[in-house]
């Protein structure tokens, strides 16, 4: 089952996430899942 995780990030991190979202044409949740998976596995 999925678990919701929430956190506050500095504006610089949020801006970088927005850039990745645009580059990959993906929503924030998808981008964050991919980034977390890449770091963990």
N, C-alpha and C. Protein backbone atom coordinates (compact mmCIF):
# COMPACT_ATOMS: atom_id res chain seq x y z
N UNK A 1 0.84 -1.18 0.00
CA UNK A 1 0.00 0.00 0.00
C UNK A 1 0.88 1.24 0.00
N UNK A 2 0.45 2.27 -0.68
CA UNK A 2 1.21 3.51 -0.77
C UNK A 2 1.08 4.31 0.52
N UNK A 3 2.11 5.08 0.81
CA UNK A 3 2.12 5.94 1.99
C UNK A 3 2.40 7.36 1.55
N UNK A 4 1.69 8.31 2.13
CA UNK A 4 1.87 9.72 1.79
C UNK A 4 3.00 10.27 2.65
N UNK A 5 3.94 10.97 1.99
CA UNK A 5 5.04 11.63 2.68
C UNK A 5 5.02 13.09 2.26
N UNK A 6 5.11 13.98 3.22
CA UNK A 6 5.08 15.40 2.89
C UNK A 6 6.24 16.11 3.58
N UNK A 7 6.79 17.12 2.93
CA UNK A 7 7.90 17.86 3.50
C UNK A 7 7.95 19.26 2.91
N UNK A 8 8.57 20.15 3.61
CA UNK A 8 8.81 21.50 3.11
C UNK A 8 10.22 21.54 2.53
N UNK A 9 10.39 22.22 1.43
CA UNK A 9 11.71 22.34 0.81
C UNK A 9 12.00 23.81 0.55
N UNK A 10 13.27 24.19 0.50
CA UNK A 10 13.62 25.57 0.17
C UNK A 10 13.14 25.92 -1.24
N UNK A 11 12.96 27.20 -1.50
CA UNK A 11 12.48 27.66 -2.81
C UNK A 11 13.40 27.18 -3.93
N UNK A 12 14.70 27.11 -3.68
CA UNK A 12 15.64 26.67 -4.71
C UNK A 12 15.34 25.23 -5.14
N UNK A 13 15.00 24.39 -4.18
CA UNK A 13 14.67 23.00 -4.49
C UNK A 13 13.36 22.94 -5.27
N UNK A 14 12.38 23.73 -4.84
CA UNK A 14 11.08 23.76 -5.53
C UNK A 14 11.26 24.23 -6.97
N UNK A 15 12.13 25.22 -7.18
CA UNK A 15 12.38 25.72 -8.54
C UNK A 15 13.03 24.64 -9.39
N UNK A 16 13.98 23.91 -8.82
CA UNK A 16 14.63 22.83 -9.56
C UNK A 16 13.61 21.74 -9.91
N UNK A 17 12.71 21.44 -8.99
CA UNK A 17 11.67 20.44 -9.27
C UNK A 17 10.78 20.90 -10.42
N UNK A 18 10.41 22.18 -10.43
CA UNK A 18 9.57 22.71 -11.52
C UNK A 18 10.28 22.56 -12.86
N UNK A 19 11.57 22.80 -12.89
CA UNK A 19 12.34 22.65 -14.14
C UNK A 19 12.30 21.19 -14.61
N UNK A 20 12.51 20.27 -13.69
CA UNK A 20 12.48 18.84 -14.05
C UNK A 20 11.09 18.45 -14.54
N UNK A 21 10.06 18.95 -13.87
CA UNK A 21 8.68 18.66 -14.29
C UNK A 21 8.46 19.09 -15.73
N UNK A 22 8.92 20.28 -16.07
CA UNK A 22 8.75 20.78 -17.44
C UNK A 22 9.58 19.97 -18.43
N UNK A 23 10.83 19.68 -18.07
CA UNK A 23 11.71 18.91 -18.97
C UNK A 23 11.15 17.52 -19.26
N UNK A 24 10.59 16.88 -18.25
CA UNK A 24 10.10 15.51 -18.40
C UNK A 24 8.61 15.45 -18.70
N UNK A 25 7.97 16.62 -18.75
CA UNK A 25 6.52 16.68 -18.98
C UNK A 25 5.79 15.74 -18.02
N UNK A 26 6.12 15.87 -16.72
CA UNK A 26 5.57 14.99 -15.70
C UNK A 26 5.09 15.83 -14.52
N UNK A 27 4.19 15.26 -13.74
CA UNK A 27 3.72 15.99 -12.56
C UNK A 27 4.71 15.83 -11.41
N UNK A 28 4.51 16.62 -10.38
CA UNK A 28 5.45 16.64 -9.26
C UNK A 28 5.57 15.28 -8.59
N UNK A 29 4.46 14.61 -8.36
CA UNK A 29 4.50 13.31 -7.68
C UNK A 29 5.35 12.31 -8.45
N UNK A 30 5.20 12.29 -9.77
CA UNK A 30 5.97 11.37 -10.60
C UNK A 30 7.46 11.69 -10.52
N UNK A 31 7.79 12.97 -10.61
CA UNK A 31 9.19 13.39 -10.54
C UNK A 31 9.79 13.00 -9.20
N UNK A 32 9.08 13.27 -8.12
CA UNK A 32 9.61 12.94 -6.79
C UNK A 32 9.77 11.43 -6.60
N UNK A 33 8.81 10.65 -7.09
CA UNK A 33 8.95 9.18 -6.99
C UNK A 33 10.18 8.70 -7.74
N UNK A 34 10.41 9.23 -8.94
CA UNK A 34 11.58 8.82 -9.73
C UNK A 34 12.88 9.21 -9.03
N UNK A 35 12.93 10.43 -8.49
CA UNK A 35 14.14 10.89 -7.80
C UNK A 35 14.42 10.04 -6.56
N UNK A 36 13.39 9.78 -5.77
CA UNK A 36 13.58 8.96 -4.57
C UNK A 36 14.02 7.54 -4.93
N UNK A 37 13.39 6.97 -5.93
CA UNK A 37 13.76 5.61 -6.34
C UNK A 37 15.20 5.57 -6.82
N UNK A 38 15.64 6.59 -7.55
CA UNK A 38 17.01 6.62 -8.07
C UNK A 38 18.03 6.69 -6.93
N UNK A 39 17.68 7.39 -5.88
CA UNK A 39 18.61 7.54 -4.75
C UNK A 39 18.61 6.31 -3.85
N UNK A 40 17.44 5.73 -3.66
CA UNK A 40 17.32 4.60 -2.72
C UNK A 40 17.81 3.30 -3.33
N UNK A 41 17.48 3.05 -4.62
CA UNK A 41 17.87 1.78 -5.25
C UNK A 41 19.00 2.00 -6.15
